[in-house]
Protein backbone atom coordinates (compact mmCIF):
# COMPACT_ATOMS: atom_id res chain seq x y z
CA GLN A 1 22.21 -36.20 13.69
CA GLU A 2 25.30 -35.64 15.78
CA GLY A 3 26.40 -32.87 13.45
CA LYS A 4 29.81 -34.39 12.80
CA LEU A 5 29.35 -34.56 9.03
CA THR A 6 29.06 -31.54 6.78
CA GLY A 7 28.60 -30.67 3.13
CA LEU A 8 28.41 -33.37 0.49
CA GLU A 9 29.45 -36.06 2.96
CA ALA A 10 26.52 -35.21 5.23
CA TYR A 11 24.06 -35.14 2.36
CA SER A 12 25.24 -38.53 1.11
CA ALA A 13 24.82 -39.99 4.59
CA ALA A 14 21.32 -38.52 4.84
CA ARG A 15 20.31 -40.38 1.66
CA PRO A 16 22.43 -43.50 2.12
CA PRO A 17 23.27 -46.01 -0.60
CA HIS A 18 21.22 -48.78 1.01
CA SER A 19 18.07 -46.67 0.59
CA GLU A 20 18.95 -46.32 -3.09
CA GLY A 21 19.42 -50.07 -3.37
CA LEU A 22 16.05 -50.62 -1.69
CA ALA A 23 14.39 -48.35 -4.25
CA VAL A 24 15.89 -50.50 -7.02
CA PHE A 25 14.47 -53.66 -5.42
CA ILE A 26 11.01 -52.11 -5.05
CA ALA A 27 10.88 -50.73 -8.60
CA SER A 28 12.05 -54.03 -10.05
CA TYR A 29 9.53 -56.07 -8.07
CA LEU A 30 6.68 -53.78 -9.08
CA ALA A 31 7.76 -53.99 -12.72
CA SER A 32 7.61 -57.75 -12.54
CA GLN A 33 4.25 -57.85 -10.76
CA THR A 34 2.58 -55.37 -13.12
CA ASN A 35 3.92 -56.96 -16.31
CA CYS A 36 6.01 -53.89 -17.11
CA GLY A 37 8.26 -55.23 -19.84
CA ASN A 38 10.84 -52.43 -19.75
CA ILE A 39 12.39 -50.65 -16.79
CA ASN A 40 15.16 -48.07 -16.78
CA LEU A 41 17.11 -47.81 -13.52
CA LEU A 42 18.34 -44.23 -13.64
CA HIS A 43 20.97 -42.17 -11.83
CA LEU A 44 22.59 -45.16 -10.10
CA SER A 45 25.12 -43.49 -7.84
CA SER A 46 26.56 -46.13 -5.52
CA GLN A 47 27.94 -49.64 -5.30
CA LYS A 48 24.89 -50.82 -3.36
CA ALA A 49 22.49 -49.44 -5.96
CA MET A 50 24.41 -50.94 -8.88
CA GLU A 51 24.73 -54.31 -7.16
CA ALA A 52 20.99 -54.26 -6.48
CA ALA A 53 20.33 -53.53 -10.14
CA LEU A 54 22.50 -56.43 -11.28
CA ILE A 55 20.83 -58.78 -8.81
CA MET A 56 17.38 -57.79 -10.06
CA GLN A 57 18.45 -58.59 -13.63
CA LYS A 58 19.03 -62.18 -12.51
CA VAL A 59 15.93 -62.42 -10.31
CA PHE A 60 13.58 -61.11 -13.01
CA PRO A 61 15.12 -62.20 -16.34
CA HIS A 62 11.81 -61.57 -18.15
CA VAL A 63 12.07 -57.82 -17.40
CA ASN A 64 14.08 -55.81 -19.92
CA PHE A 65 16.34 -53.73 -17.65
CA ARG A 66 18.61 -50.82 -18.53
CA ARG A 67 21.08 -49.19 -16.12
CA GLU A 68 22.20 -45.57 -16.20
CA VAL A 69 24.75 -43.41 -14.40
CA THR A 70 25.37 -39.68 -14.69
CA ILE A 71 28.62 -37.96 -15.51
CA GLY A 72 28.43 -36.12 -12.20
CA HIS A 73 28.51 -39.39 -10.28
CA LEU A 74 31.49 -40.55 -12.37
CA ILE A 75 33.52 -37.38 -11.83
CA LEU A 76 32.69 -35.84 -8.47
CA ASP A 77 32.95 -37.32 -4.98
CA THR A 78 32.15 -36.18 -1.45
CA ASP A 79 35.59 -34.59 -1.10
CA SER A 80 34.90 -32.25 -4.02
CA ASN A 81 35.49 -28.55 -3.41
CA ALA A 82 32.23 -27.79 -5.22
CA GLY A 83 30.23 -28.02 -2.00
CA SER A 84 26.54 -27.19 -2.36
CA PHE A 85 27.03 -26.52 -6.08
CA ALA A 86 27.33 -30.31 -6.44
CA LYS A 87 24.19 -31.13 -4.46
CA VAL A 88 22.05 -33.50 -6.51
CA ASN A 89 19.74 -36.48 -6.08
CA PRO A 90 20.90 -39.17 -5.60
CA PRO A 91 23.79 -37.52 -3.75
CA ILE A 92 27.38 -37.39 -4.87
CA ARG A 93 29.08 -40.38 -3.23
CA PRO A 94 32.54 -41.22 -1.78
CA ARG A 95 35.37 -42.05 -4.17
CA ASP A 96 35.03 -45.82 -3.59
CA ASP A 97 31.53 -45.68 -5.05
CA VAL A 98 32.75 -43.59 -7.98
CA GLU A 99 35.43 -46.10 -8.91
CA PHE A 100 32.98 -48.99 -8.55
CA LEU A 101 30.69 -47.29 -11.06
CA TRP A 102 33.61 -46.92 -13.45
CA LYS A 103 34.34 -50.65 -13.15
CA GLN A 104 30.75 -51.37 -14.15
CA VAL A 105 31.00 -48.99 -17.10
CA LEU A 106 34.09 -50.84 -18.32
CA ALA A 107 32.43 -54.21 -17.69
CA GLY A 108 29.51 -53.29 -19.94
CA ASN A 109 26.99 -53.23 -17.10
CA VAL A 110 26.02 -49.59 -17.70
CA ASP A 111 23.83 -48.95 -20.73
CA TRP A 112 24.20 -45.20 -20.99
CA VAL A 113 25.79 -42.18 -19.31
CA VAL A 114 23.88 -38.90 -19.13
CA SER A 115 24.33 -35.33 -17.94
CA ASP A 116 21.05 -35.22 -15.97
CA HIS A 117 21.01 -31.56 -16.99
CA ALA A 118 18.99 -29.79 -14.27
CA CYS A 119 20.17 -26.20 -13.93
CA CYS A 120 19.69 -24.21 -10.74
CA SER A 121 20.63 -20.59 -10.23
CA THR A 122 23.47 -19.63 -7.92
CA ALA A 123 20.95 -18.05 -5.57
CA ALA A 124 19.11 -21.37 -5.30
CA LYS A 125 22.32 -23.24 -4.50
CA VAL A 126 24.04 -20.96 -2.00
CA SER A 127 22.43 -19.26 0.98
CA THR A 128 23.57 -15.67 1.51
CA GLU A 129 23.16 -16.14 5.25
CA ASN A 130 24.99 -19.46 5.46
CA PRO A 131 26.89 -20.33 2.26
CA ASP A 132 28.03 -23.70 3.63
CA ASP A 133 24.53 -24.95 4.47
CA ILE A 134 24.00 -27.97 2.23
CA TRP A 135 20.43 -28.47 3.45
CA VAL A 136 18.96 -25.26 2.03
CA ALA A 137 20.64 -25.65 -1.36
CA LYS A 138 18.47 -26.82 -4.24
CA ALA A 139 19.41 -30.17 -5.76
CA GLY A 140 20.58 -30.34 -9.36
CA PHE A 141 23.09 -28.78 -11.75
CA GLY A 142 23.73 -28.53 -15.47
CA GLY A 143 26.38 -30.48 -17.32
CA THR A 144 25.40 -31.27 -20.90
CA GLU A 145 28.29 -29.36 -22.46
CA TYR A 146 30.84 -31.36 -20.44
CA LEU A 147 29.32 -34.83 -20.93
CA LEU A 148 31.33 -35.97 -23.94
CA SER A 149 34.64 -34.43 -22.90
CA ALA A 150 34.41 -35.66 -19.30
CA LEU A 151 33.42 -39.20 -20.23
CA PHE A 152 36.14 -39.40 -22.89
CA SER A 153 38.82 -37.81 -20.70
CA GLU A 154 38.23 -39.80 -17.53
CA GLY A 155 37.23 -42.93 -19.41
CA GLN A 156 40.43 -42.92 -21.47
CA LYS A 157 42.45 -43.03 -18.25
CA ARG A 158 40.68 -46.27 -17.36
CA GLY A 159 40.71 -47.92 -20.79
CA LEU A 160 37.32 -46.85 -22.18
CA THR A 161 37.43 -46.76 -25.98
CA PRO A 162 35.97 -43.97 -28.16
CA GLN A 163 33.60 -46.55 -29.64
CA CYS A 164 32.23 -47.33 -26.17
CA VAL A 165 31.83 -43.62 -25.46
CA ALA A 166 29.71 -43.26 -28.60
CA LYS A 167 27.52 -46.18 -27.57
CA LEU A 168 27.05 -44.88 -24.03
CA ILE A 169 25.96 -41.38 -24.97
CA SER A 170 24.41 -41.84 -28.41
CA PHE A 171 23.66 -45.27 -29.83
CA ASN A 172 22.31 -47.07 -26.75
CA PRO A 173 19.87 -44.39 -25.53
CA ALA A 174 18.61 -43.74 -29.06
CA GLU A 175 17.95 -47.44 -29.55
CA ARG A 176 16.23 -47.82 -26.18
CA PHE A 177 13.86 -44.90 -26.69
CA GLY A 178 13.03 -45.70 -30.29
CA LEU A 179 14.74 -42.68 -31.84
CA GLY A 180 15.37 -44.40 -35.15
CA GLN A 181 16.92 -41.39 -36.90
CA LYS A 182 19.40 -40.74 -34.10
CA GLY A 183 22.34 -42.30 -32.34
CA ASP A 184 24.36 -43.57 -35.30
CA ILE A 185 26.06 -42.44 -38.49
CA SER A 186 24.62 -44.45 -41.35
CA VAL A 187 22.68 -43.99 -44.58
CA GLY A 188 19.17 -42.70 -43.99
CA LYS A 189 19.71 -41.41 -40.47
CA ASP A 190 19.97 -37.78 -39.42
CA ALA A 191 23.53 -36.49 -39.76
CA ASP A 192 23.91 -35.53 -36.10
CA PHE A 193 27.58 -35.67 -35.18
CA VAL A 194 30.51 -33.74 -33.76
CA LEU A 195 34.10 -33.19 -34.83
CA PHE A 196 36.11 -34.02 -31.74
CA ASP A 197 39.76 -33.30 -31.02
CA PRO A 198 40.92 -36.09 -28.68
CA ASP A 199 44.16 -34.29 -27.80
CA LYS A 200 42.73 -30.85 -27.05
CA ARG A 201 43.03 -29.98 -23.36
CA PHE A 202 40.96 -27.37 -21.57
CA VAL A 203 40.02 -26.33 -18.05
CA VAL A 204 36.33 -26.12 -17.16
CA ARG A 205 35.35 -22.55 -16.26
CA ALA A 206 31.80 -21.38 -15.63
CA GLU A 207 32.65 -18.05 -17.24
CA ASP A 208 33.27 -19.86 -20.54
CA SER A 209 29.95 -21.72 -20.46
CA PHE A 210 26.96 -21.03 -22.69
CA SER A 211 24.70 -21.72 -19.72
CA ASN A 212 23.14 -18.94 -17.64
CA GLN A 213 23.58 -21.11 -14.57
CA GLY A 214 26.52 -19.01 -13.40
CA TYR A 215 28.60 -21.84 -11.90
CA THR A 216 29.61 -25.44 -12.48
CA PRO A 217 30.57 -28.11 -9.92
CA PHE A 218 33.27 -29.14 -12.41
CA GLU A 219 35.04 -25.78 -12.05
CA GLY A 220 38.81 -26.13 -12.49
CA LEU A 221 38.67 -29.68 -13.86
CA GLU A 222 41.16 -30.24 -16.68
CA LEU A 223 39.75 -32.38 -19.46
CA LYS A 224 41.37 -33.93 -22.50
CA GLY A 225 39.21 -34.00 -25.62
CA GLN A 226 36.99 -31.19 -26.87
CA VAL A 227 34.18 -30.73 -29.37
CA MET A 228 35.33 -28.47 -32.18
CA SER A 229 32.22 -28.54 -34.40
CA THR A 230 28.65 -29.77 -34.05
CA PHE A 231 26.28 -30.75 -36.86
CA VAL A 232 22.51 -31.17 -36.57
CA ARG A 233 20.88 -32.98 -39.51
CA GLY A 234 24.01 -32.15 -41.50
CA ILE A 235 23.94 -28.43 -40.70
CA LYS A 236 26.91 -26.99 -38.81
CA VAL A 237 25.52 -25.20 -35.75
CA TYR A 238 28.65 -24.82 -33.60
CA HIS A 239 32.27 -24.19 -34.52
CA HIS A 240 35.34 -23.42 -32.40
CA GLY A 241 33.51 -22.07 -29.40
CA LYS A 242 30.75 -20.19 -31.21
CA ILE A 243 27.14 -20.96 -32.10
CA ILE A 244 26.89 -20.18 -35.82
CA SER A 245 23.32 -21.17 -36.64
CA LYS A 246 19.85 -20.09 -35.67
CA PRO A 247 17.92 -22.69 -33.63
CA ILE A 248 16.89 -25.58 -35.88
CA GLY A 249 15.76 -28.13 -33.30
CA GLN A 250 12.68 -30.19 -34.06
CA TYR A 251 10.30 -32.11 -31.85
CA ILE A 252 10.94 -35.83 -32.14
CA ARG A 253 7.95 -38.11 -31.76
CA ARG A 254 8.58 -41.54 -30.35
CA PRO A 255 6.97 -44.51 -32.07
CA GLN A 256 4.27 -46.45 -30.25
CA PRO A 257 5.99 -49.08 -28.10
CA ASN A 258 5.39 -52.74 -28.68
CA PRO A 259 3.19 -54.37 -26.03
CA PRO A 260 5.27 -55.94 -23.25
CA PRO A 261 5.62 -59.72 -23.19
CA LYS A 262 3.20 -61.58 -20.97
CA SER A 263 4.52 -62.39 -17.54
CA HIS A 264 5.28 -66.01 -16.76
CA LEU A 265 4.13 -65.47 -13.17
């Protein structure tokens, strides 16, 4: 209100971590009271929100919780040069929150990491009249193509194993959402996999992206580890920077969920 904060720091303060933690408490309580057997706590961006999520796991042990963070909240912080390009909900947080989230990833308290791919055009992110105005910028940005490389690159620095990376972005979400043919490499499942060079370094540039977004908040970030080839149901669709197949995606129907367990309350 005093106008002393600007940019990502101001936006984070306007949607403070304690409000995020409160939302976790409310959602968890309602899940318990309505006999909702499963609840996914998504986009946890701060220490307060994550701590609230872990507390709720203990308070309501009969609720099957899952906790998620996005790659944006693990990479960017309020000091990022990306400015309004990095505006997202919940907001990008200070570095202390970022490192706390990483500690929870390493401790096994995060079930999956996602891109939260929500593209916005450059025009929607930056005002021509006032380019630095964070308040008029639309929230959201794309990041799917950097998810694996960014999680591997930054995770490796902190001791995250390739096996854990695979669980966080493939196995765990597929298991949670009942995608029985996905998330693993085993007999009978779809052969969805990538060939990944763990030593390949590259710098993120929007001009190299397949997206029509026109920018990326990760611009200039050097990452170690790059996808060289991608296979969908055993068919190579991407190789060395080029899409080499026509679209072959198929709609995946989820199975009917099992009824939630009866509440003990």
